[in-house]
Amino acid sequence: MGRLRSGDIIILVVFIILIALSIPSKSDSAFVRISSSGGKEKVYELSEDRIVSAEGPLGTTTIEIKDGDVRIIDSPCAQKTCMNTRIGDTICCLPNKVLVTISADREDGGIDVVAY
């Protein structure tokens, strides 16, 4: 293999810039959608720090939106697994029937895919 030439370096820099621009980030237009039992749904901006509550069959689940991230800080469920969840863009408290998702749209996009 030979040495890199100036044209090779330019192509490499262009690819690095394109890759950096294509990496998704949590922007100011991201929203937190909180769904609870009974079909109740609330939507908040991810960029605004706040603490919100969601009512479920077991009681109140407390959710913190802070620094562009979201987490459950208190839940009435027994094992409190949801309080330790940091997987992707969805947090779920199954016993209390509370679902927290991060979405790019304020409105519900409806059905994305249907499989038979």
N, C-alpha and C. Protein backbone atom coordinates (compact mmCIF):
# COMPACT_ATOMS: atom_id res chain seq x y z
N MET A 1 0.83 -1.18 0.00
CA MET A 1 0.00 0.00 0.00
C MET A 1 0.87 1.23 0.00
N GLY A 2 0.43 2.22 -0.75
CA GLY A 2 1.17 3.46 -0.83
C GLY A 2 0.70 4.48 0.19
N ARG A 3 1.27 5.62 0.12
CA ARG A 3 0.92 6.70 1.02
C ARG A 3 -0.35 7.40 0.56
N LEU A 4 -0.99 8.10 1.48
CA LEU A 4 -2.19 8.85 1.13
C LEU A 4 -1.80 10.10 0.36
N ARG A 5 -2.52 10.34 -0.70
CA ARG A 5 -2.30 11.55 -1.48
C ARG A 5 -3.29 12.62 -1.06
N SER A 6 -3.12 13.82 -1.50
CA SER A 6 -3.98 14.94 -1.09
C SER A 6 -5.43 14.70 -1.49
N GLY A 7 -5.68 14.07 -2.63
CA GLY A 7 -7.05 13.76 -3.05
C GLY A 7 -7.70 12.75 -2.12
N ASP A 8 -6.91 11.78 -1.64
CA ASP A 8 -7.42 10.79 -0.68
C ASP A 8 -7.81 11.46 0.63
N ILE A 9 -7.00 12.38 1.08
CA ILE A 9 -7.28 13.09 2.34
C ILE A 9 -8.54 13.93 2.20
N ILE A 10 -8.74 14.60 1.07
CA ILE A 10 -9.94 15.41 0.85
C ILE A 10 -11.19 14.53 0.88
N ILE A 11 -11.12 13.38 0.21
CA ILE A 11 -12.27 12.46 0.21
C ILE A 11 -12.55 11.96 1.62
N LEU A 12 -11.53 11.64 2.38
CA LEU A 12 -11.68 11.18 3.74
C LEU A 12 -12.33 12.24 4.62
N VAL A 13 -11.90 13.48 4.50
CA VAL A 13 -12.48 14.59 5.27
C VAL A 13 -13.95 14.80 4.90
N VAL A 14 -14.27 14.72 3.62
CA VAL A 14 -15.66 14.89 3.18
C VAL A 14 -16.54 13.79 3.77
N PHE A 15 -16.07 12.55 3.77
CA PHE A 15 -16.84 11.45 4.36
C PHE A 15 -17.04 11.64 5.86
N ILE A 16 -16.01 12.09 6.56
CA ILE A 16 -16.13 12.32 8.00
C ILE A 16 -17.16 13.41 8.28
N ILE A 17 -17.16 14.47 7.49
CA ILE A 17 -18.14 15.54 7.67
C ILE A 17 -19.55 15.04 7.39
N LEU A 18 -19.73 14.26 6.32
CA LEU A 18 -21.05 13.72 6.00
C LEU A 18 -21.56 12.79 7.09
N ILE A 19 -20.69 11.97 7.65
CA ILE A 19 -21.10 11.08 8.73
C ILE A 19 -21.49 11.88 9.97
N ALA A 20 -20.71 12.90 10.30
CA ALA A 20 -21.02 13.72 11.48
C ALA A 20 -22.36 14.44 11.32
N LEU A 21 -22.67 14.88 10.12
CA LEU A 21 -23.94 15.58 9.89
C LEU A 21 -25.13 14.64 9.90
N SER A 22 -24.91 13.36 9.63
CA SER A 22 -26.02 12.41 9.57
C SER A 22 -26.35 11.77 10.91
N ILE A 23 -25.55 12.01 11.93
CA ILE A 23 -25.81 11.43 13.25
C ILE A 23 -27.00 12.15 13.87
N PRO A 24 -28.05 11.40 14.22
CA PRO A 24 -29.23 12.04 14.80
C PRO A 24 -28.93 12.54 16.20
N SER A 25 -29.58 13.62 16.57
CA SER A 25 -29.42 14.16 17.91
C SER A 25 -30.78 14.57 18.44
N LYS A 26 -30.86 14.69 19.75
CA LYS A 26 -32.10 15.16 20.37
C LYS A 26 -32.13 16.67 20.20
N SER A 27 -32.95 17.12 19.30
CA SER A 27 -33.00 18.55 19.01
C SER A 27 -34.09 19.23 19.84
N ASP A 28 -34.18 20.54 19.65
CA ASP A 28 -35.19 21.31 20.38
C ASP A 28 -36.60 20.93 19.96
N SER A 29 -36.75 20.25 18.82
CA SER A 29 -38.08 19.91 18.34
C SER A 29 -38.54 18.54 18.82
N ALA A 30 -37.81 17.92 19.75
CA ALA A 30 -38.21 16.61 20.25
C ALA A 30 -39.25 16.79 21.36
N PHE A 31 -40.13 15.80 21.47
CA PHE A 31 -41.22 15.87 22.44
C PHE A 31 -41.27 14.59 23.26
N VAL A 32 -41.76 14.73 24.49
CA VAL A 32 -41.97 13.59 25.38
C VAL A 32 -43.46 13.32 25.40
N ARG A 33 -43.84 12.09 25.06
CA ARG A 33 -45.24 11.69 25.06
C ARG A 33 -45.44 10.72 26.21
N ILE A 34 -46.36 11.07 27.12
CA ILE A 34 -46.64 10.25 28.29
C ILE A 34 -48.06 9.72 28.18
N SER A 35 -48.18 8.40 28.08
CA SER A 35 -49.49 7.75 27.98
C SER A 35 -49.72 6.97 29.26
N SER A 36 -50.94 7.07 29.80
CA SER A 36 -51.27 6.32 31.00
C SER A 36 -52.59 5.60 30.80
N SER A 37 -52.98 4.84 31.81
CA SER A 37 -54.19 4.02 31.69
C SER A 37 -55.40 4.89 31.41
N GLY A 38 -56.35 4.33 30.74
CA GLY A 38 -57.56 5.07 30.39
C GLY A 38 -57.40 5.91 29.15
N GLY A 39 -56.30 5.75 28.40
CA GLY A 39 -56.10 6.48 27.16
C GLY A 39 -55.68 7.93 27.34
N LYS A 40 -55.27 8.31 28.54
CA LYS A 40 -54.82 9.68 28.79
C LYS A 40 -53.42 9.86 28.22
N GLU A 41 -53.21 10.97 27.49
CA GLU A 41 -51.91 11.24 26.90
C GLU A 41 -51.56 12.71 27.04
N LYS A 42 -50.32 12.98 27.44
CA LYS A 42 -49.82 14.34 27.56
C LYS A 42 -48.53 14.44 26.77
N VAL A 43 -48.29 15.62 26.17
CA VAL A 43 -47.09 15.84 25.37
C VAL A 43 -46.37 17.08 25.90
N TYR A 44 -45.05 16.94 26.11
CA TYR A 44 -44.22 18.03 26.61
C TYR A 44 -42.98 18.17 25.72
N GLU A 45 -42.41 19.38 25.68
CA GLU A 45 -41.17 19.58 24.94
C GLU A 45 -40.01 19.00 25.73
N LEU A 46 -39.12 18.30 25.04
CA LEU A 46 -37.97 17.69 25.69
C LEU A 46 -36.97 18.75 26.17
N SER A 47 -36.99 19.90 25.56
CA SER A 47 -36.03 20.95 25.91
C SER A 47 -36.41 21.73 27.17
N GLU A 48 -37.64 21.57 27.67
CA GLU A 48 -38.09 22.30 28.86
C GLU A 48 -38.03 21.39 30.08
N ASP A 49 -37.20 21.76 31.06
CA ASP A 49 -37.06 20.98 32.28
C ASP A 49 -38.33 21.09 33.12
N ARG A 50 -38.82 19.95 33.59
CA ARG A 50 -40.03 19.92 34.43
C ARG A 50 -40.20 18.55 35.05
N ILE A 51 -41.04 18.49 36.06
CA ILE A 51 -41.44 17.23 36.68
C ILE A 51 -42.94 17.09 36.50
N VAL A 52 -43.36 15.95 35.94
CA VAL A 52 -44.78 15.73 35.66
C VAL A 52 -45.24 14.42 36.30
N SER A 53 -46.54 14.29 36.46
CA SER A 53 -47.12 13.10 37.06
C SER A 53 -48.07 12.43 36.08
N ALA A 54 -48.12 11.11 36.17
CA ALA A 54 -49.05 10.33 35.36
C ALA A 54 -49.77 9.36 36.29
N GLU A 55 -51.09 9.36 36.22
CA GLU A 55 -51.90 8.50 37.08
C GLU A 55 -52.11 7.14 36.42
N GLY A 56 -51.94 6.10 37.22
CA GLY A 56 -52.17 4.74 36.76
C GLY A 56 -53.01 4.01 37.79
N PRO A 57 -53.31 2.74 37.55
CA PRO A 57 -54.15 1.99 38.48
C PRO A 57 -53.53 1.80 39.87
N LEU A 58 -52.20 1.86 39.98
CA LEU A 58 -51.54 1.70 41.27
C LEU A 58 -51.31 3.02 42.00
N GLY A 59 -51.36 4.12 41.26
CA GLY A 59 -51.10 5.43 41.87
C GLY A 59 -50.40 6.35 40.89
N THR A 60 -49.57 7.24 41.43
CA THR A 60 -48.93 8.28 40.63
C THR A 60 -47.49 7.91 40.28
N THR A 61 -47.15 7.99 39.00
CA THR A 61 -45.78 7.83 38.53
C THR A 61 -45.24 9.23 38.26
N THR A 62 -44.06 9.53 38.81
CA THR A 62 -43.45 10.85 38.66
C THR A 62 -42.32 10.76 37.64
N ILE A 63 -42.37 11.67 36.65
CA ILE A 63 -41.45 11.66 35.52
C ILE A 63 -40.69 12.98 35.50
N GLU A 64 -39.37 12.90 35.31
CA GLU A 64 -38.53 14.10 35.25
C GLU A 64 -38.02 14.29 33.83
N ILE A 65 -38.23 15.48 33.29
CA ILE A 65 -37.67 15.89 32.00
C ILE A 65 -36.60 16.92 32.32
N LYS A 66 -35.35 16.59 32.04
CA LYS A 66 -34.26 17.48 32.43
C LYS A 66 -33.07 17.30 31.49
N ASP A 67 -32.49 18.41 31.06
CA ASP A 67 -31.29 18.42 30.22
C ASP A 67 -31.43 17.57 28.96
N GLY A 68 -32.60 17.61 28.33
CA GLY A 68 -32.82 16.87 27.10
C GLY A 68 -32.95 15.38 27.28
N ASP A 69 -33.25 14.95 28.50
CA ASP A 69 -33.42 13.53 28.78
C ASP A 69 -34.68 13.36 29.63
N VAL A 70 -35.17 12.14 29.71
CA VAL A 70 -36.36 11.87 30.50
C VAL A 70 -36.15 10.59 31.30
N ARG A 71 -36.69 10.57 32.53
CA ARG A 71 -36.58 9.37 33.36
C ARG A 71 -37.73 9.35 34.36
N ILE A 72 -38.03 8.17 34.85
CA ILE A 72 -39.04 8.02 35.90
C ILE A 72 -38.29 8.10 37.23
N ILE A 73 -38.72 9.04 38.10
CA ILE A 73 -38.03 9.21 39.37
C ILE A 73 -38.79 8.59 40.55
N ASP A 74 -40.06 8.28 40.36
CA ASP A 74 -40.82 7.61 41.42
C ASP A 74 -42.01 6.88 40.79
N SER A 75 -42.26 5.68 41.29
CA SER A 75 -43.38 4.89 40.79
C SER A 75 -43.92 4.01 41.91
N PRO A 76 -45.24 3.78 41.93
CA PRO A 76 -45.83 2.98 42.99
C PRO A 76 -45.70 1.47 42.78
N CYS A 77 -45.09 1.04 41.68
CA CYS A 77 -44.98 -0.39 41.41
C CYS A 77 -44.00 -1.04 42.40
N ALA A 78 -44.08 -2.35 42.55
CA ALA A 78 -43.32 -3.06 43.57
C ALA A 78 -41.81 -3.14 43.26
N GLN A 79 -41.45 -3.51 42.03
CA GLN A 79 -40.04 -3.75 41.73
C GLN A 79 -39.30 -2.50 41.25
N LYS A 80 -40.00 -1.49 40.80
CA LYS A 80 -39.43 -0.22 40.35
C LYS A 80 -38.39 -0.38 39.24
N THR A 81 -38.61 -1.35 38.38
CA THR A 81 -37.71 -1.58 37.24
C THR A 81 -37.70 -0.38 36.30
N CYS A 82 -38.81 0.28 36.15
CA CYS A 82 -38.92 1.42 35.24
C CYS A 82 -38.01 2.57 35.66
N MET A 83 -37.70 2.67 36.93
CA MET A 83 -36.85 3.76 37.42
C MET A 83 -35.39 3.57 37.00
N ASN A 84 -35.02 2.36 36.62
CA ASN A 84 -33.66 2.07 36.18
C ASN A 84 -33.54 1.89 34.68
N THR A 85 -34.62 2.09 33.95
CA THR A 85 -34.63 1.85 32.51
C THR A 85 -34.02 3.03 31.77
N ARG A 86 -33.07 2.75 30.87
CA ARG A 86 -32.44 3.76 30.03
C ARG A 86 -32.23 3.18 28.64
N ILE A 87 -33.27 2.56 28.10
CA ILE A 87 -33.13 1.88 26.82
C ILE A 87 -33.83 2.69 25.73
N GLY A 88 -33.07 3.18 24.78
CA GLY A 88 -33.64 3.84 23.62
C GLY A 88 -34.50 5.03 23.96
N ASP A 89 -35.64 5.13 23.30
CA ASP A 89 -36.52 6.27 23.46
C ASP A 89 -37.82 5.91 24.14
N THR A 90 -37.89 4.79 24.86
CA THR A 90 -39.13 4.37 25.50
C THR A 90 -38.85 3.87 26.90
N ILE A 91 -39.67 4.34 27.85
CA ILE A 91 -39.64 3.83 29.22
C ILE A 91 -41.06 3.40 29.54
N CYS A 92 -41.19 2.25 30.18
CA CYS A 92 -42.52 1.71 30.41
C CYS A 92 -42.62 1.18 31.84
N CYS A 93 -43.69 1.54 32.53
CA CYS A 93 -44.01 0.98 33.83
C CYS A 93 -45.24 0.10 33.62
N LEU A 94 -45.01 -1.18 33.41
CA LEU A 94 -46.11 -2.09 33.09
C LEU A 94 -47.13 -2.23 34.22
N PRO A 95 -46.71 -2.40 35.49
CA PRO A 95 -47.72 -2.55 36.54
C PRO A 95 -48.64 -1.34 36.68
N ASN A 96 -48.09 -0.13 36.47
CA ASN A 96 -48.91 1.07 36.61
C ASN A 96 -49.46 1.57 35.27
N LYS A 97 -49.15 0.85 34.20
CA LYS A 97 -49.65 1.15 32.85
C LYS A 97 -49.31 2.57 32.41
N VAL A 98 -48.02 2.94 32.52
CA VAL A 98 -47.53 4.25 32.08
C VAL A 98 -46.44 4.02 31.05
N LEU A 99 -46.53 4.73 29.92
CA LEU A 99 -45.57 4.62 28.83
C LEU A 99 -45.02 6.00 28.52
N VAL A 100 -43.69 6.13 28.49
CA VAL A 100 -43.02 7.39 28.20
C VAL A 100 -42.19 7.19 26.95
N THR A 101 -42.42 8.01 25.91
CA THR A 101 -41.66 7.90 24.67
C THR A 101 -41.15 9.27 24.25
N ILE A 102 -40.05 9.27 23.50
CA ILE A 102 -39.52 10.50 22.91
C ILE A 102 -39.85 10.45 21.44
N SER A 103 -40.42 11.55 20.94
CA SER A 103 -40.89 11.60 19.56
C SER A 103 -40.44 12.89 18.90
N ALA A 104 -40.28 12.87 17.60
CA ALA A 104 -39.91 14.08 16.87
C ALA A 104 -41.13 14.94 16.55
N ASP A 105 -42.33 14.36 16.65
CA ASP A 105 -43.56 15.07 16.31
C ASP A 105 -44.41 15.30 17.54
N ARG A 106 -45.04 16.47 17.60
CA ARG A 106 -45.98 16.75 18.69
C ARG A 106 -47.24 15.91 18.53
N GLU A 107 -47.68 15.74 17.30
CA GLU A 107 -48.89 14.96 17.03
C GLU A 107 -48.54 13.50 16.89
N ASP A 108 -49.46 12.65 17.23
CA ASP A 108 -49.26 11.22 17.07
C ASP A 108 -49.24 10.89 15.59
N GLY A 109 -48.21 10.19 15.16
CA GLY A 109 -48.06 9.85 13.75
C GLY A 109 -48.97 8.72 13.30
N GLY A 110 -49.70 8.12 14.24
CA GLY A 110 -50.58 7.03 13.88
C GLY A 110 -49.82 5.73 13.70
N ILE A 111 -50.38 4.85 12.91
CA ILE A 111 -49.76 3.54 12.70
C ILE A 111 -48.58 3.68 11.75
N ASP A 112 -47.45 3.14 12.17
CA ASP A 112 -46.24 3.21 11.36
C ASP A 112 -46.13 1.99 10.46
N VAL A 113 -46.36 0.79 11.02
CA VAL A 113 -46.23 -0.44 10.25
C VAL A 113 -47.30 -1.42 10.74
N VAL A 114 -47.86 -2.15 9.81
CA VAL A 114 -48.82 -3.19 10.15
C VAL A 114 -48.28 -4.49 9.57
N ALA A 115 -48.20 -5.52 10.42
CA ALA A 115 -47.73 -6.83 9.97
C ALA A 115 -48.83 -7.87 10.19
N TYR A 116 -48.94 -8.77 9.25
CA TYR A 116 -49.95 -9.82 9.36
C TYR A 116 -49.28 -11.15 9.52
